[in-house]
Each structure stands twice: as structure tokens, then as C-alpha cells.
Amino acid sequence: MIRSRIEIKPNPYYSANNGIFLQDTDNMIVEDCSISWIGGMYYGGGPVRMGNGIQMWVGNSNITLRYNRIDQIYDAGISPQGGGTYTQRNIHSYYNIISNCWYSYEVFTYTGSTLDNVDFDNNTCIGAGNQWSANQRPDTGNARHVINWDGGGTVTGCSIRNNIFKDSTHTAYRFNDEVAFELDHNLYEVDTLGIVAGSTCTTLSEWQARTSEDGSSLSGDPLFVSPVDLHLQASSPARDEGVNVDLTRDFDGHPIVDTPDIGAYEYP
């Protein structure tokens, strides 16, 4: 394990594999990075291809990913994952802007794995499935903002809250099994909200009824300033609709005052 506190602030572009790869690390901060045009390499000679923006493989603890821009990724923008027996603990991903990835957030919870206190909060995620490699993927119908490859792992204290999920060529979510995460205070603008254990839920109300999650979440246009300026307009439904998750400053460094907004930016 790497025990000292380490901060990473590079700008990785054009990597054939992952932009940033963490394995068996402790006390790591990845912040203020611009990560783009990542992935597409063949694994073991093919046909499998790979490449995530920030990948946390097997055992990691006390990791913070914040204030990063992640764009045009072959696979996932952020992904805690692994194979075999491992634990990922105290991993916090917040105030990131994730765009044009096949998955914005990809999480593995297979048998033998433990995820403890792994959070994905106050991120702005747009354009799942719109990345450079969309027409090169073997799984052409599987783009999501959040995908959980699950099958028996242990999940405790993990959440997905206060995020904006806008535009996906397929759905906002796919959970292969029942939902083991706390989902709430998110804002969705997608055609189909999600798939859980084989059931498709088109609307947020269908999703809420099927999963008993997202009770305080919203469906609607987040009203960004423009397609490229993801700050909120004054009339945005994301304003003051978040829940306090003990964060203090938004993507721009502005303080969080009273009730937080949903997404990576506080208004104004």
C-alpha cells in the first residue's frame, strides 16, 4: 500500500489504456485534471478493448477524485473495479464533469469484492454513449451513465446522490441485480431511466416504484447556461434540491451555502 498522502494533477490525453490507474493505493487525491481521448487498446490480442478515464483496480482506500474534467473515454469515466477478492473503501468522487463516455461511472460488485463507503456525489454527467468510439463498441446497446456489474459482492454505505445525468443513448442506469446503493436527489434528463434485474423503467416514477430509490430525485431539463457552459440558469430545477453530503466548495471553488444544488456547480 502507498501510505503517504499523494496528489495527482496531470492532464492525460490520448492514452491507449487508462488515463489514470490506481491499484492498492491509500490516501490519494486526484484533482484538477483534464482527462480526454482515452482508451481503445486491445486486451490480450482482442477482441476485448479497454480504457477508462480514472480506474481504481482491486484494493484501494481513502481515495478522493474531485474537480476533474473527463471527456471522450472509450469505456468509463470513473470506475472502481476488480476481480477476485478485494476491498475498496472510503472512495469519494465529487464535483467532476464527465462527458461523452460509454459509462460515466462503472462499478464492479462481484462475489469476493467489498465496497464500503464508496460515493459518487455532485457530479455533472452528460452524453453517455456519444464518445469517439461509439460505432466501434461490440456492445452497441449498452451505454449508460451508471452501470453496476454485480453478482454477490458486499456493498455497505455506498451512494449516488446530487448528480445531473443528462442525455444517454440508452439509459441512465443498469443494475444487473437489485440496487445495493443509496440513490437520491439526482436530476435526470434521459429517454429511459434504467434497467434493474432485467426490468426496464422508462420514467422516474416507474424507477422509484420498482427500486424504492430516488425518492427525492427529479426528472427534467437541468437548464444549463448553454450546451458547453454547464453552469445553472436561475430557473434550473437543480437549484437547492440536493442533500447535504458534507462538501464545502463546488467545481469553481464557490462555497456551498445552505441547501446544495444538484450537479457540479452551485448557482450563481
Protein backbone atom coordinates (compact mmCIF):
# COMPACT_ATOMS: atom_id res chain seq x y z
CA MET A 1 0.00 0.00 0.00
CA ILE A 2 1.07 3.58 -0.67
CA ARG A 3 0.60 5.16 2.76
CA SER A 4 1.57 8.80 2.27
CA ARG A 5 -0.90 11.40 1.01
CA ILE A 6 -0.29 11.91 -2.69
CA GLU A 7 -1.93 14.42 -5.03
CA ILE A 8 -2.19 13.85 -8.79
CA LYS A 9 -2.76 16.84 -11.08
CA PRO A 10 -1.76 15.78 -14.62
CA ASN A 11 -3.64 16.23 -17.88
CA PRO A 12 -3.57 12.82 -19.58
CA TYR A 13 -4.63 12.76 -23.23
CA TYR A 14 -4.54 10.11 -25.96
CA SER A 15 -3.72 7.07 -23.84
CA ALA A 16 -4.48 3.71 -25.42
CA ASN A 17 -5.40 2.32 -21.99
CA ASN A 18 -6.45 4.18 -18.82
CA GLY A 19 -5.81 7.86 -18.23
CA ILE A 20 -5.03 7.31 -14.53
CA PHE A 21 -4.72 3.85 -12.94
CA LEU A 22 -4.75 3.26 -9.18
CA GLN A 23 -4.10 -0.14 -7.58
CA ASP A 24 -3.51 -0.94 -3.89
CA THR A 25 -3.20 2.74 -3.01
CA ASP A 26 -4.08 4.60 0.19
CA ASN A 27 -4.51 8.34 0.81
CA MET A 28 -4.63 9.55 -2.79
CA ILE A 29 -6.22 12.70 -4.23
CA VAL A 30 -6.81 13.12 -7.97
CA GLU A 31 -7.94 16.68 -8.64
CA ASP A 32 -7.96 19.45 -11.26
CA CYS A 33 -7.18 17.02 -14.06
CA SER A 34 -8.36 17.17 -17.66
CA ILE A 35 -8.56 13.61 -18.98
CA SER A 36 -9.70 13.02 -22.54
CA TRP A 37 -9.44 10.86 -25.66
CA ILE A 38 -8.64 7.75 -23.65
CA GLY A 39 -8.82 4.02 -24.33
CA GLY A 40 -9.44 1.61 -27.17
CA MET A 41 -6.46 -0.72 -26.76
CA TYR A 42 -6.98 -4.43 -27.39
CA TYR A 43 -6.63 -6.67 -24.34
CA GLY A 44 -4.76 -9.94 -24.82
CA GLY A 45 -4.79 -9.56 -28.57
CA GLY A 46 -8.54 -8.91 -28.80
CA PRO A 47 -11.41 -8.83 -29.37
CA VAL A 48 -11.86 -7.15 -25.94
CA ARG A 49 -10.92 -3.47 -25.81
CA MET A 50 -10.48 -1.33 -22.74
CA GLY A 51 -9.59 2.08 -21.32
CA ASN A 52 -11.13 4.19 -18.53
CA GLY A 53 -10.56 7.80 -17.55
CA ILE A 54 -9.75 7.01 -13.89
CA GLN A 55 -9.64 3.33 -12.94
CA MET A 56 -9.30 2.06 -9.38
CA TRP A 57 -8.35 -1.60 -9.62
CA VAL A 58 -8.85 -4.06 -6.71
CA GLY A 59 -7.67 -2.83 -3.28
CA ASN A 60 -7.82 0.93 -2.76
CA SER A 61 -8.73 3.07 0.24
CA ASN A 62 -9.11 6.74 1.14
CA ILE A 63 -9.22 7.99 -2.44
CA THR A 64 -10.71 11.35 -3.45
CA LEU A 65 -11.48 12.25 -7.08
CA ARG A 66 -12.62 15.86 -7.40
CA TYR A 67 -12.73 18.87 -9.74
CA ASN A 68 -11.77 16.81 -12.79
CA ARG A 69 -12.98 17.10 -16.38
CA ILE A 70 -13.28 13.69 -18.02
CA ASP A 71 -14.30 13.57 -21.69
CA GLN A 72 -14.24 11.23 -24.70
CA ILE A 73 -13.46 7.93 -22.96
CA TYR A 74 -13.73 4.55 -24.69
CA ASP A 75 -15.14 2.85 -21.60
CA ALA A 76 -15.86 4.51 -18.22
CA GLY A 77 -15.12 7.99 -16.95
CA ILE A 78 -14.61 6.74 -13.37
CA SER A 79 -14.53 3.08 -12.37
CA PRO A 80 -13.84 1.27 -9.08
CA GLN A 81 -13.49 -2.34 -10.21
CA GLY A 82 -11.52 -5.56 -9.97
CA GLY A 83 -11.54 -9.34 -10.00
CA GLY A 84 -11.22 -11.87 -7.21
CA THR A 85 -11.24 -10.96 -3.52
CA TYR A 86 -10.58 -7.30 -2.72
CA THR A 87 -11.89 -4.29 -0.80
CA GLN A 88 -12.35 -0.71 -1.94
CA ARG A 89 -13.09 1.58 0.98
CA ASN A 90 -13.64 5.33 1.50
CA ILE A 91 -13.60 6.35 -2.15
CA HIS A 92 -15.23 9.70 -2.85
CA SER A 93 -15.91 11.04 -6.36
CA TYR A 94 -17.44 14.51 -6.32
CA TYR A 95 -17.68 17.75 -8.29
CA ASN A 96 -16.42 16.19 -11.50
CA ILE A 97 -17.69 16.95 -15.02
CA ILE A 98 -17.96 13.73 -17.02
CA SER A 99 -18.98 13.90 -20.67
CA ASN A 100 -19.06 11.66 -23.73
CA CYS A 101 -18.07 8.38 -22.07
CA TRP A 102 -19.62 4.97 -22.75
CA TYR A 103 -20.26 4.83 -19.00
CA SER A 104 -19.92 7.86 -16.77
CA TYR A 105 -19.50 5.64 -13.69
CA GLU A 106 -18.85 1.88 -13.81
CA VAL A 107 -18.75 -0.17 -10.62
CA PHE A 108 -17.96 -3.87 -10.04
CA THR A 109 -19.50 -5.72 -7.09
CA TYR A 110 -18.82 -9.35 -7.93
CA THR A 111 -18.61 -12.18 -5.39
CA GLY A 112 -15.50 -11.73 -3.26
CA SER A 113 -15.46 -7.94 -3.56
CA THR A 114 -16.32 -5.45 -0.83
CA LEU A 115 -17.30 -1.83 -1.46
CA ASP A 116 -17.51 0.19 1.73
CA ASN A 117 -18.31 3.91 1.81
CA VAL A 118 -17.86 4.45 -1.93
CA ASP A 119 -19.69 7.63 -3.01
CA PHE A 120 -20.49 9.34 -6.31
CA ASP A 121 -21.93 12.77 -5.42
CA ASN A 122 -22.49 16.17 -7.08
CA ASN A 123 -21.15 15.28 -10.49
CA THR A 124 -22.47 16.55 -13.82
CA CYS A 125 -22.67 13.73 -16.37
CA ILE A 126 -23.73 14.31 -19.97
CA GLY A 127 -23.75 12.43 -23.25
CA ALA A 128 -23.28 8.77 -22.26
CA GLY A 129 -22.64 6.81 -25.43
CA ASN A 130 -21.59 9.83 -27.50
CA GLN A 131 -17.85 9.23 -27.27
CA TRP A 132 -15.41 8.87 -30.16
CA SER A 133 -15.65 5.05 -30.19
CA ALA A 134 -19.45 4.67 -30.10
CA ASN A 135 -19.56 2.98 -33.51
CA GLN A 136 -16.62 0.71 -32.59
CA ARG A 137 -18.14 -0.88 -29.48
CA PRO A 138 -19.13 -4.58 -29.60
CA ASP A 139 -21.95 -3.86 -27.11
CA THR A 140 -23.68 -1.22 -29.19
CA GLY A 141 -26.79 -1.11 -26.98
CA ASN A 142 -25.22 -0.78 -23.55
CA ALA A 143 -24.21 2.86 -22.98
CA ARG A 144 -25.26 4.14 -19.52
CA HIS A 145 -24.38 6.89 -17.12
CA VAL A 146 -24.09 4.31 -14.31
CA ILE A 147 -23.57 0.58 -14.72
CA ASN A 148 -23.13 -1.92 -11.90
CA TRP A 149 -21.70 -5.29 -12.86
CA ASP A 150 -22.93 -7.11 -9.79
CA GLY A 151 -23.33 -10.65 -8.60
CA GLY A 152 -22.90 -11.23 -4.90
CA GLY A 153 -20.36 -8.76 -3.57
CA THR A 154 -20.73 -6.87 -0.29
CA VAL A 155 -21.90 -3.26 -0.59
CA THR A 156 -22.19 -1.06 2.53
CA GLY A 157 -22.67 2.68 2.83
CA CYS A 158 -22.37 3.40 -0.90
CA SER A 159 -24.32 6.21 -2.56
CA ILE A 160 -25.08 8.06 -5.80
CA ARG A 161 -26.51 11.47 -4.87
CA ASN A 162 -26.87 15.04 -6.11
CA ASN A 163 -25.82 14.20 -9.68
CA ILE A 164 -27.09 15.52 -13.00
CA PHE A 165 -27.49 12.75 -15.59
CA LYS A 166 -28.34 14.26 -18.97
CA ASP A 167 -28.60 12.52 -22.35
CA SER A 168 -27.73 8.87 -22.79
CA THR A 169 -28.03 6.88 -25.98
CA HIS A 170 -29.55 4.11 -23.86
CA THR A 171 -30.36 4.62 -20.16
CA ALA A 172 -29.19 6.45 -17.06
CA TYR A 173 -28.74 3.19 -15.10
CA ARG A 174 -28.20 -0.50 -15.48
CA PHE A 175 -28.06 -2.73 -12.42
CA ASN A 176 -27.75 -6.41 -13.27
CA ASP A 177 -29.14 -7.29 -9.84
CA GLU A 178 -31.18 -5.35 -7.31
CA VAL A 179 -29.91 -1.90 -6.34
CA ALA A 180 -27.48 -2.01 -3.39
CA PHE A 181 -26.61 1.72 -3.44
CA GLU A 182 -28.43 4.69 -1.96
CA LEU A 183 -29.74 6.73 -4.90
CA ASP A 184 -31.33 10.11 -4.20
CA HIS A 185 -31.52 13.84 -5.00
CA ASN A 186 -30.40 13.25 -8.60
CA LEU A 187 -31.72 15.08 -11.67
CA TYR A 188 -32.39 13.03 -14.81
CA GLU A 189 -32.95 14.10 -18.39
CA VAL A 190 -32.91 10.82 -20.30
CA ASP A 191 -35.40 8.98 -22.51
CA THR A 192 -35.28 5.77 -20.43
CA LEU A 193 -34.31 5.91 -16.80
CA GLY A 194 -32.90 2.47 -16.15
CA ILE A 195 -32.77 -1.30 -16.13
CA VAL A 196 -32.69 -3.24 -12.86
CA ALA A 197 -32.54 -7.04 -12.69
CA GLY A 198 -33.94 -7.27 -16.21
CA SER A 199 -36.82 -4.81 -15.67
CA THR A 200 -36.88 -1.65 -17.79
CA CYS A 201 -38.19 1.54 -16.18
CA THR A 202 -38.86 4.33 -18.65
CA THR A 203 -39.87 7.09 -16.25
CA LEU A 204 -38.56 8.21 -12.89
CA SER A 205 -41.86 7.28 -11.24
CA GLU A 206 -41.57 3.73 -12.60
CA TRP A 207 -37.98 3.56 -11.34
CA GLN A 208 -38.98 4.82 -7.88
CA ALA A 209 -41.76 2.25 -7.63
CA ARG A 210 -39.53 -0.62 -8.80
CA THR A 211 -36.41 0.16 -6.72
CA SER A 212 -37.70 2.21 -3.76
CA GLU A 213 -34.80 4.58 -4.51
CA ASP A 214 -34.55 8.19 -5.76
CA GLY A 215 -37.48 9.33 -3.63
CA SER A 216 -36.36 12.98 -3.74
CA SER A 217 -34.89 12.90 -7.25
CA LEU A 218 -36.24 14.91 -10.19
CA SER A 219 -36.79 14.48 -13.91
CA GLY A 220 -36.38 17.43 -16.26
CA ASP A 221 -34.09 19.75 -18.16
CA PRO A 222 -31.29 21.00 -15.85
CA LEU A 223 -31.24 24.29 -17.79
CA PHE A 224 -27.54 24.74 -18.31
CA VAL A 225 -26.38 28.15 -19.48
CA SER A 226 -25.50 26.57 -22.84
CA PRO A 227 -24.56 23.16 -24.26
CA VAL A 228 -20.92 23.90 -23.43
CA ASP A 229 -21.41 26.02 -20.30
CA LEU A 230 -22.77 23.65 -17.66
CA HIS A 231 -23.41 26.29 -15.02
CA LEU A 232 -27.04 26.52 -13.95
CA GLN A 233 -29.52 29.14 -15.05
CA ALA A 234 -31.52 30.93 -12.36
CA SER A 235 -34.62 28.85 -13.15
CA SER A 236 -32.83 25.47 -13.10
CA PRO A 237 -34.72 22.73 -11.22
CA ALA A 238 -31.34 21.63 -9.81
CA ARG A 239 -31.13 24.69 -7.56
CA ASP A 240 -31.45 23.94 -3.83
CA GLU A 241 -32.63 20.38 -4.49
CA GLY A 242 -29.55 18.50 -3.28
CA VAL A 243 -28.90 16.93 0.09
CA ASN A 244 -26.06 17.87 2.42
CA VAL A 245 -23.21 15.39 1.84
CA ASP A 246 -20.62 17.40 3.79
CA LEU A 247 -19.00 19.04 0.77
CA THR A 248 -17.88 22.66 1.08
CA ARG A 249 -16.91 24.01 -2.36
CA ASP A 250 -18.19 23.38 -5.89
CA PHE A 251 -16.26 22.84 -9.13
CA ASP A 252 -15.40 26.54 -9.35
CA GLY A 253 -14.41 26.74 -5.68
CA HIS A 254 -17.57 28.59 -4.67
CA PRO A 255 -18.79 27.82 -1.15
CA ILE A 256 -21.83 25.60 -0.60
CA VAL A 257 -24.32 27.73 1.32
CA ASP A 258 -27.47 26.32 2.90
CA THR A 259 -29.10 23.63 0.72
CA PRO A 260 -26.70 22.44 -2.02
CA ASP A 261 -27.61 22.44 -5.67
CA ILE A 262 -27.57 19.27 -7.77
CA GLY A 263 -24.59 18.84 -10.07
CA ALA A 264 -21.03 20.14 -10.15
CA TYR A 265 -21.85 23.86 -9.96
CA GLU A 266 -23.61 25.95 -7.35
CA TYR A 267 -25.70 28.85 -8.61
CA PRO A 268 -24.63 31.53 -9.40
